Protein backbone atom coordinates (compact mmCIF):
# COMPACT_ATOMS: atom_id res chain seq x y z
CA UNK A 1 11.72 5.32 -32.61
CA UNK A 2 9.66 7.96 -30.87
CA UNK A 3 6.80 9.37 -32.96
CA UNK A 4 6.91 12.72 -31.13
CA UNK A 5 9.61 15.38 -31.28
CA UNK A 6 11.70 16.09 -28.20
CA UNK A 7 9.70 19.24 -27.45
CA UNK A 8 6.37 17.42 -27.75
CA UNK A 9 7.60 14.55 -25.56
CA UNK A 10 8.90 17.04 -23.00
CA UNK A 11 5.55 18.86 -22.93
CA UNK A 12 3.68 15.54 -22.47
CA UNK A 13 5.94 14.43 -19.62
CA UNK A 14 5.82 17.85 -17.92
CA UNK A 15 2.00 17.72 -17.91
CA UNK A 16 1.97 14.60 -15.70
CA UNK A 17 1.03 15.56 -12.14
CA UNK A 18 1.88 13.95 -8.84
CA UNK A 19 -1.16 15.26 -6.92
CA UNK A 20 -4.88 15.21 -7.69
CA UNK A 21 -4.54 12.57 -10.38
CA UNK A 22 -7.63 10.82 -11.73
CA UNK A 23 -6.98 7.54 -9.83
CA UNK A 24 -6.38 9.46 -6.62
CA UNK A 25 -9.60 11.43 -7.07
CA UNK A 26 -11.54 8.18 -7.59
CA UNK A 27 -10.21 6.78 -4.31
CA UNK A 28 -10.85 10.03 -2.46
CA UNK A 29 -14.45 10.28 -3.65
CA UNK A 30 -15.09 6.60 -2.94
CA UNK A 31 -13.75 6.79 0.60
CA UNK A 32 -15.56 10.05 1.33
CA UNK A 33 -18.83 8.51 0.11
CA UNK A 34 -18.27 5.56 2.47
CA UNK A 35 -17.79 7.89 5.46
CA UNK A 36 -13.99 7.91 5.78
CA UNK A 37 -12.24 11.22 6.50
CA UNK A 38 -8.62 11.81 5.58
CA UNK A 39 -5.82 14.30 5.08
CA UNK A 40 -3.90 14.76 1.84
CA UNK A 41 -0.14 14.44 1.27
CA UNK A 42 0.99 14.64 4.90
CA UNK A 43 4.39 16.39 4.76
CA UNK A 44 5.75 14.96 8.01
CA UNK A 45 5.34 11.32 7.04
CA UNK A 46 7.90 9.49 4.88
CA UNK A 47 6.88 9.35 1.23
CA UNK A 48 4.13 11.98 1.62
CA UNK A 49 1.24 9.47 1.37
CA UNK A 50 -1.62 10.44 -0.93
CA UNK A 51 -4.21 9.88 1.82
CA UNK A 52 -3.66 9.71 5.57
CA UNK A 53 -6.37 8.37 7.85
CA UNK A 54 -5.17 9.15 11.40
CA UNK A 55 -8.07 7.41 13.12
CA UNK A 56 -7.06 4.17 11.42
CA UNK A 57 -3.27 4.81 11.58
CA UNK A 58 -3.28 4.10 7.85
CA UNK A 59 -1.59 5.66 4.82
CA UNK A 60 -2.92 5.05 1.33
CA UNK A 61 -0.67 5.31 -1.71
CA UNK A 62 -2.40 5.54 -5.09
CA UNK A 63 0.24 4.38 -7.58
CA UNK A 64 0.30 4.66 -11.34
CA UNK A 65 1.08 1.27 -12.87
CA UNK A 66 3.74 2.63 -15.22
CA UNK A 67 5.60 4.88 -12.76
CA UNK A 68 5.79 2.26 -10.03
CA UNK A 69 6.27 -0.84 -12.21
CA UNK A 70 3.17 -2.83 -11.34
CA UNK A 71 3.82 -6.59 -11.80
CA UNK A 72 7.15 -5.99 -13.59
CA UNK A 73 10.16 -8.01 -12.47
CA UNK A 74 13.31 -5.97 -12.92
CA UNK A 75 16.49 -8.11 -12.75
CA UNK A 76 19.51 -6.37 -11.29
CA UNK A 77 23.28 -6.88 -11.20
CA UNK A 78 25.31 -6.53 -8.00
CA UNK A 79 26.37 -2.96 -8.87
CA UNK A 80 22.75 -1.84 -9.33
CA UNK A 81 22.62 -1.70 -13.12
CA UNK A 82 20.10 -3.71 -15.09
CA UNK A 83 21.24 -6.76 -17.02
CA UNK A 84 21.17 -6.06 -20.73
CA UNK A 85 20.92 -9.69 -21.73
CA UNK A 86 17.82 -10.28 -19.64
CA UNK A 87 14.53 -9.67 -21.36
CA UNK A 88 12.23 -7.65 -19.15
CA UNK A 89 8.67 -8.82 -19.50
CA UNK A 90 6.01 -6.12 -19.56
CA UNK A 91 2.88 -6.71 -17.53
CA UNK A 92 -0.66 -6.09 -18.76
CA UNK A 93 -0.82 -2.64 -17.20
CA UNK A 94 2.84 -1.56 -17.35
CA UNK A 95 4.56 -1.33 -20.71
CA UNK A 96 8.16 -0.11 -20.53
CA UNK A 97 9.03 2.02 -23.59
CA UNK A 98 11.36 0.50 -26.15
CA UNK A 99 13.19 3.80 -26.73
CA UNK A 100 15.67 4.71 -23.99
CA UNK A 101 14.69 1.48 -22.24
CA UNK A 102 17.68 1.39 -19.90
CA UNK A 103 16.75 4.82 -18.48
CA UNK A 104 13.13 3.79 -17.88
CA UNK A 105 14.09 0.49 -16.26
CA UNK A 106 16.46 2.30 -13.89
CA UNK A 107 13.84 4.95 -13.08
CA UNK A 108 11.10 2.42 -12.35
CA UNK A 109 13.51 0.33 -10.26
CA UNK A 110 14.41 3.41 -8.16
CA UNK A 111 10.72 4.18 -7.67
CA UNK A 112 9.97 0.63 -6.52
CA UNK A 113 12.92 0.60 -4.11
CA UNK A 114 11.97 4.02 -2.71
CA UNK A 115 8.39 2.82 -2.17
CA UNK A 116 9.62 -0.20 -0.17
CA UNK A 117 11.91 1.91 2.01
CA UNK A 118 9.18 4.48 2.73
CA UNK A 119 6.64 1.83 3.63
CA UNK A 120 9.14 0.14 5.97
CA UNK A 121 9.73 3.49 7.69
CA UNK A 122 5.97 4.00 8.08
CA UNK A 123 5.54 0.48 9.47
CA UNK A 124 8.32 1.16 12.00
CA UNK A 125 6.40 4.27 13.08
CA UNK A 126 3.26 2.16 13.62
CA UNK A 127 1.38 3.08 10.44
CA UNK A 128 -0.44 0.63 8.18
CA UNK A 129 0.13 1.07 4.43
CA UNK A 130 -2.32 0.33 1.63
CA UNK A 131 -1.23 0.54 -2.01
CA UNK A 132 -3.92 1.02 -4.63
CA UNK A 133 -2.89 0.49 -8.25
CA UNK A 134 -4.27 2.47 -11.16
CA UNK A 135 -5.43 -0.68 -12.99
CA UNK A 136 -7.57 -1.69 -9.96
CA UNK A 137 -9.60 1.50 -10.43
CA UNK A 138 -10.86 0.74 -13.93
CA UNK A 139 -14.68 0.89 -14.09
CA UNK A 140 -15.04 -2.92 -14.07
CA UNK A 141 -13.09 -3.33 -10.78
CA UNK A 142 -13.60 0.08 -9.16
CA UNK A 143 -16.41 -0.66 -6.68
CA UNK A 144 -14.84 -3.96 -5.64
CA UNK A 145 -11.52 -2.20 -4.97
CA UNK A 146 -13.13 0.61 -2.99
CA UNK A 147 -15.17 -1.88 -0.95
CA UNK A 148 -12.03 -3.89 -0.18
CA UNK A 149 -10.25 -0.71 0.99
CA UNK A 150 -13.20 0.09 3.27
CA UNK A 151 -13.22 -3.48 4.60
CA UNK A 152 -9.47 -3.34 5.27
CA UNK A 153 -9.75 0.00 7.08
CA UNK A 154 -12.57 -1.31 9.28
CA UNK A 155 -10.60 -4.48 10.00
CA UNK A 156 -7.54 -2.41 11.01
CA UNK A 157 -9.69 -0.25 13.28
CA UNK A 158 -11.24 -3.26 14.99
CA UNK A 159 -7.85 -4.96 15.47
CA UNK A 160 -6.37 -1.79 17.00
CA UNK A 161 -9.36 -1.45 19.35
CA UNK A 162 -9.08 -5.10 20.38
CA UNK A 163 -5.38 -4.66 21.22
CA UNK A 164 -6.07 -1.51 23.25
CA UNK A 165 -8.90 -3.11 25.23
CA UNK A 166 -6.74 -6.16 26.00
CA UNK A 167 -3.99 -3.85 27.25
CA UNK A 168 -6.48 -2.02 29.46
CA UNK A 169 -7.98 -5.26 30.77
CA UNK A 170 -4.52 -6.62 31.54
CA UNK A 171 -3.69 -3.52 33.58
CA UNK A 172 -7.03 -3.27 35.37
CA UNK A 173 -7.63 -6.94 36.10
CA UNK A 174 -4.39 -8.86 36.63
CA UNK A 175 -4.79 -12.59 36.19
CA UNK A 176 -4.26 -14.85 39.12
CA UNK A 177 -2.29 -18.07 38.97
CA UNK A 178 -5.49 -19.96 39.61
CA UNK A 179 -6.86 -18.76 36.26
CA UNK A 180 -4.00 -20.44 34.39
CA UNK A 181 -4.74 -23.92 35.72
CA UNK A 182 -6.76 -26.15 33.44
CA UNK A 183 -10.18 -26.80 34.89
CA UNK A 184 -12.04 -29.98 33.89
CA UNK A 185 -14.98 -29.60 31.55
CA UNK A 186 -18.47 -30.71 32.60
CA UNK A 187 -18.45 -33.66 30.20
CA UNK A 188 -15.05 -34.95 31.34
CA UNK A 189 -14.71 -37.52 34.06
CA UNK A 190 -12.67 -36.47 37.06
CA UNK A 191 -10.09 -38.94 38.29
CA UNK A 192 -10.09 -39.24 42.05
CA UNK A 193 -6.77 -40.31 43.43
């Protein structure tokens, strides 16, 4: 049973924002402090990522644990409905409400499926995707999470640069067949036939 009236519940749910949330602001401030520059909610990209770093070809999604079902396994029947006999286990950070549970399970399932489809579209376009969960931004884990995002972005940038330089080298300096033959090492004995 819900402790709030329908009007109070409606007002609470209507107050939840999709932009400039506290977890998103934490990530934005942390990345800015580390020297990363980004754009917000790029309209032309699938899913309107929270942060877009064009230099790194990376999109960052800052997800709320409840709205995107963090660590919740949602069983599904062939027609798309949830199985009533299955007990859905809540995770530490995502508790599905007991009232109107079927609605919430369906909503969270749709959100998870939409996230997968959008990230596949971005990957097909050549973008890297990073998902940051709300629970990873708690004060105890915050700096570690932000450092790992920075490390990942730098790793992506270096990998992309390595691929581009190899492409350029391959075009500028074509390899000869002689380079593909295995040359003996200095410590190996050469057999004379």
